[in-house]
Amino acid sequence: MGNVKDSSKRENNFKSAKNNNEASGIKSVLVYFAAIIPFLIIALVLLYQGKGNKQPSNPSTSQKSIIAEAVSGTDLIIPKDKISETASFYPYKIDNVTMEVFAVKAKDGTIRTALNTCQVCYASGRGYYKQVDDTMVCQNCGNVFDIDQIEKLRNGCNPVPVDSEYKKDDGNNIVIDKSFLEAKKDMFTNWTNGQ
């Protein structure tokens, strides 16, 4: 009979130890989560705030400056005194197709001009550029293009350059030839410019 009591006592001790271990394990998990949860909440709050307030280092460069109403039927005239390190956008309309040219000053002070469409992505309708700091970013593929490379690089995912043979500097203005714009009209037939 002593063996039965001892066996029963051992079983009760085992159950008690098992329950204590389970309780201890649950307490450990709860303490762990109690310690971790505040950090997770703080991290999520900081992450959310960072996304909501995310701005380029120069906020003015993320804004789109449309300088004029859409021009049509003549050469496009861009006043040089309106051109800065922040890209300025100039709409041009041919038939029912709205195009856009942008002008921006490179780091060396030269004025760079290009069509606001991508040589590769234009057919998608989303192959237009937005400025972020000193780069232009294709809104279709995300390619980041340095402003200093505008008119220098060609035939890739970059803004369509306005070649020097199609533009002239009269001292006060950059004048872009109407024939160049007419020849590039088809690149804008699907163009959405974010609309």
Protein backbone atom coordinates (compact mmCIF):
# COMPACT_ATOMS: atom_id res chain seq x y z
CA MET A 1 0.00 0.00 0.00
CA GLY A 2 2.96 2.24 0.59
CA ASN A 3 3.88 1.89 -3.07
CA VAL A 4 0.43 3.02 -4.16
CA LYS A 5 0.61 6.08 -1.89
CA ASP A 6 4.13 6.86 -3.07
CA SER A 7 3.11 6.40 -6.68
CA SER A 8 0.06 8.61 -6.20
CA LYS A 9 2.15 11.18 -4.35
CA ARG A 10 4.78 11.16 -7.13
CA GLU A 11 2.06 11.54 -9.74
CA ASN A 12 0.61 14.53 -7.87
CA ASN A 13 4.09 16.03 -7.49
CA PHE A 14 4.70 15.44 -11.22
CA LYS A 15 1.37 17.08 -12.13
CA SER A 16 2.11 19.96 -9.78
CA ALA A 17 5.59 20.42 -11.27
CA LYS A 18 4.16 20.16 -14.78
CA ASN A 19 1.52 22.78 -13.95
CA ASN A 20 4.20 24.99 -12.37
CA ASN A 21 6.39 24.60 -15.48
CA GLU A 22 3.45 25.43 -17.76
CA ALA A 23 2.54 28.43 -15.61
CA SER A 24 6.17 29.48 -15.54
CA GLY A 25 6.38 29.07 -19.34
CA ILE A 26 3.22 31.11 -19.85
CA LYS A 27 4.55 33.77 -17.48
CA SER A 28 7.83 33.86 -19.43
CA VAL A 29 5.99 34.30 -22.72
CA LEU A 30 3.77 37.01 -21.22
CA VAL A 31 6.77 38.84 -19.77
CA TYR A 32 8.53 38.54 -23.13
CA PHE A 33 5.53 39.98 -25.01
CA ALA A 34 5.00 42.65 -22.37
CA ALA A 35 8.58 43.76 -22.92
CA ILE A 36 8.48 43.54 -26.73
CA ILE A 37 5.05 45.03 -27.47
CA PRO A 38 5.90 48.61 -26.40
CA PHE A 39 8.98 48.54 -28.64
CA LEU A 40 6.91 47.25 -31.57
CA ILE A 41 4.31 49.95 -31.01
CA ILE A 42 6.99 52.65 -30.88
CA ALA A 43 8.63 51.25 -34.03
CA LEU A 44 5.30 51.20 -35.89
CA VAL A 45 4.47 54.75 -34.81
CA LEU A 46 7.89 55.99 -35.94
CA LEU A 47 7.60 54.11 -39.22
CA TYR A 48 4.13 55.52 -39.86
CA GLN A 49 5.27 59.06 -39.02
CA GLY A 50 8.29 58.68 -41.26
CA LYS A 51 6.15 57.63 -44.23
CA GLY A 52 3.67 60.42 -43.72
CA ASN A 53 6.33 63.11 -43.52
CA LYS A 54 8.84 61.70 -45.98
CA GLN A 55 10.20 64.53 -48.08
CA PRO A 56 13.21 64.88 -50.28
CA SER A 57 16.08 66.87 -48.79
CA ASN A 58 14.99 69.81 -50.94
CA PRO A 59 11.17 69.83 -50.81
CA SER A 60 10.82 72.37 -53.61
CA THR A 61 12.28 69.93 -56.10
CA SER A 62 9.46 67.46 -55.61
CA GLN A 63 6.87 70.00 -56.69
CA LYS A 64 5.92 70.27 -60.33
CA SER A 65 6.13 73.81 -61.67
CA ILE A 66 3.99 74.32 -64.74
CA ILE A 67 5.03 77.71 -66.00
CA ALA A 68 2.58 78.40 -68.80
CA GLU A 69 -0.66 77.37 -70.42
CA ALA A 70 -0.38 74.88 -73.26
CA VAL A 71 1.06 76.45 -76.39
CA SER A 72 0.11 75.28 -79.83
CA GLY A 73 1.02 76.00 -83.45
CA THR A 74 4.25 77.94 -82.82
CA ASP A 75 7.73 77.35 -81.52
CA LEU A 76 7.85 76.77 -77.76
CA ILE A 77 9.46 79.72 -76.00
CA ILE A 78 10.94 79.17 -72.54
CA PRO A 79 12.08 82.32 -70.69
CA LYS A 80 15.58 81.70 -69.32
CA ASP A 81 14.89 83.72 -66.17
CA LYS A 82 12.28 81.10 -65.17
CA ILE A 83 14.75 78.22 -65.32
CA SER A 84 16.40 77.05 -62.10
CA GLU A 85 17.60 73.84 -60.44
CA THR A 86 13.92 72.97 -60.01
CA ALA A 87 12.52 71.60 -63.26
CA SER A 88 9.92 73.78 -64.95
CA PHE A 89 7.34 72.09 -67.16
CA TYR A 90 5.92 73.60 -70.35
CA PRO A 91 2.85 72.03 -71.97
CA TYR A 92 2.53 72.02 -75.75
CA LYS A 93 -0.53 70.91 -77.67
CA ILE A 94 -0.67 69.45 -81.19
CA ASP A 95 -4.11 68.47 -82.44
CA ASN A 96 -5.65 66.76 -79.38
CA VAL A 97 -2.33 65.56 -77.98
CA THR A 98 -0.83 67.37 -75.01
CA MET A 99 2.93 67.10 -74.74
CA GLU A 100 5.29 68.51 -72.15
CA VAL A 101 8.84 69.82 -72.21
CA PHE A 102 10.85 70.46 -69.08
CA ALA A 103 13.79 72.76 -68.57
CA VAL A 104 16.20 72.63 -65.66
CA LYS A 105 19.58 74.09 -64.77
CA ALA A 106 22.37 71.53 -64.34
CA LYS A 107 25.05 71.85 -61.66
CA ASP A 108 27.40 73.47 -64.18
CA GLY A 109 24.82 76.21 -64.86
CA THR A 110 23.85 75.02 -68.33
CA ILE A 111 20.19 74.74 -69.24
CA ARG A 112 18.99 71.23 -70.08
CA THR A 113 15.74 70.58 -71.93
CA ALA A 114 13.90 67.35 -72.63
CA LEU A 115 10.48 66.01 -73.42
CA ASN A 116 8.73 64.87 -70.26
CA THR A 117 8.51 61.31 -71.47
CA CYS A 118 10.80 58.32 -71.39
CA GLN A 119 12.47 56.96 -74.52
CA VAL A 120 11.61 53.42 -73.41
CA CYS A 121 8.43 53.71 -71.31
CA TYR A 122 6.47 56.33 -73.29
CA ALA A 123 3.98 53.82 -74.76
CA SER A 124 2.80 52.84 -71.26
CA GLY A 125 1.38 56.32 -70.69
CA ARG A 126 3.24 56.49 -67.36
CA GLY A 127 6.67 57.19 -68.83
CA TYR A 128 6.89 60.72 -67.48
CA TYR A 129 9.29 62.20 -64.96
CA LYS A 130 9.08 63.80 -61.54
CA GLN A 131 12.00 65.57 -59.95
CA VAL A 132 13.43 64.30 -56.68
CA ASP A 133 16.36 66.41 -55.50
CA ASP A 134 18.83 66.57 -58.41
CA THR A 135 17.36 63.61 -60.29
CA MET A 136 14.39 62.90 -62.52
CA VAL A 137 12.50 59.68 -61.75
CA CYS A 138 10.54 57.75 -64.40
CA GLN A 139 7.05 57.11 -63.04
CA ASN A 140 6.71 53.89 -65.03
CA CYS A 141 9.88 51.91 -64.30
CA GLY A 142 11.39 53.96 -61.47
CA ASN A 143 14.67 54.66 -63.25
CA VAL A 144 16.49 57.54 -61.55
CA PHE A 145 18.18 59.88 -64.00
CA ASP A 146 20.69 62.55 -62.92
CA ILE A 147 19.81 66.04 -64.17
CA ASP A 148 23.42 66.58 -65.26
CA GLN A 149 22.99 63.71 -67.75
CA ILE A 150 19.97 65.23 -69.54
CA GLU A 151 20.85 65.81 -73.22
CA LYS A 152 24.03 63.77 -72.70
CA LEU A 153 22.66 60.20 -72.58
CA ARG A 154 20.33 58.85 -75.24
CA ASN A 155 18.48 55.74 -76.34
CA GLY A 156 17.61 54.31 -72.96
CA CYS A 157 15.24 54.83 -70.09
CA ASN A 158 15.82 58.56 -69.88
CA PRO A 159 14.05 61.79 -70.85
CA VAL A 160 13.95 62.46 -74.60
CA PRO A 161 16.55 65.22 -75.13
CA VAL A 162 15.85 68.33 -77.16
CA ASP A 163 18.92 68.37 -79.37
CA SER A 164 20.77 71.63 -79.99
CA GLU A 165 19.78 71.57 -83.67
CA TYR A 166 16.12 71.97 -82.61
CA LYS A 167 16.57 74.71 -80.04
CA LYS A 168 18.23 78.06 -79.94
CA ASP A 169 19.17 80.51 -77.23
CA ASP A 170 18.26 84.09 -78.20
CA GLY A 171 19.75 85.54 -75.02
CA ASN A 172 16.48 85.80 -73.10
CA ASN A 173 14.72 82.61 -74.16
CA ILE A 174 15.26 79.02 -75.17
CA VAL A 175 13.23 78.51 -78.35
CA ILE A 176 12.28 74.93 -79.24
CA ASP A 177 11.43 74.32 -82.87
CA LYS A 178 7.83 73.42 -83.63
CA SER A 179 8.97 70.76 -86.16
CA PHE A 180 10.81 68.84 -83.41
CA LEU A 181 7.69 68.81 -81.23
CA GLU A 182 5.48 67.73 -84.14
CA ALA A 183 7.88 64.87 -84.93
CA LYS A 184 7.66 63.61 -81.31
CA LYS A 185 3.87 63.90 -80.93
CA ASP A 186 3.28 60.14 -81.15
CA MET A 187 5.32 59.61 -77.99
CA PHE A 188 2.54 61.39 -76.07
CA THR A 189 -0.60 59.73 -77.47
CA ASN A 190 -0.96 57.48 -74.37
CA TRP A 191 0.65 59.94 -71.98
CA THR A 192 -1.19 60.39 -68.68
CA ASN A 193 1.23 62.56 -66.71
CA GLY A 194 -0.23 61.14 -63.52
CA GLN A 195 -3.83 61.96 -64.32
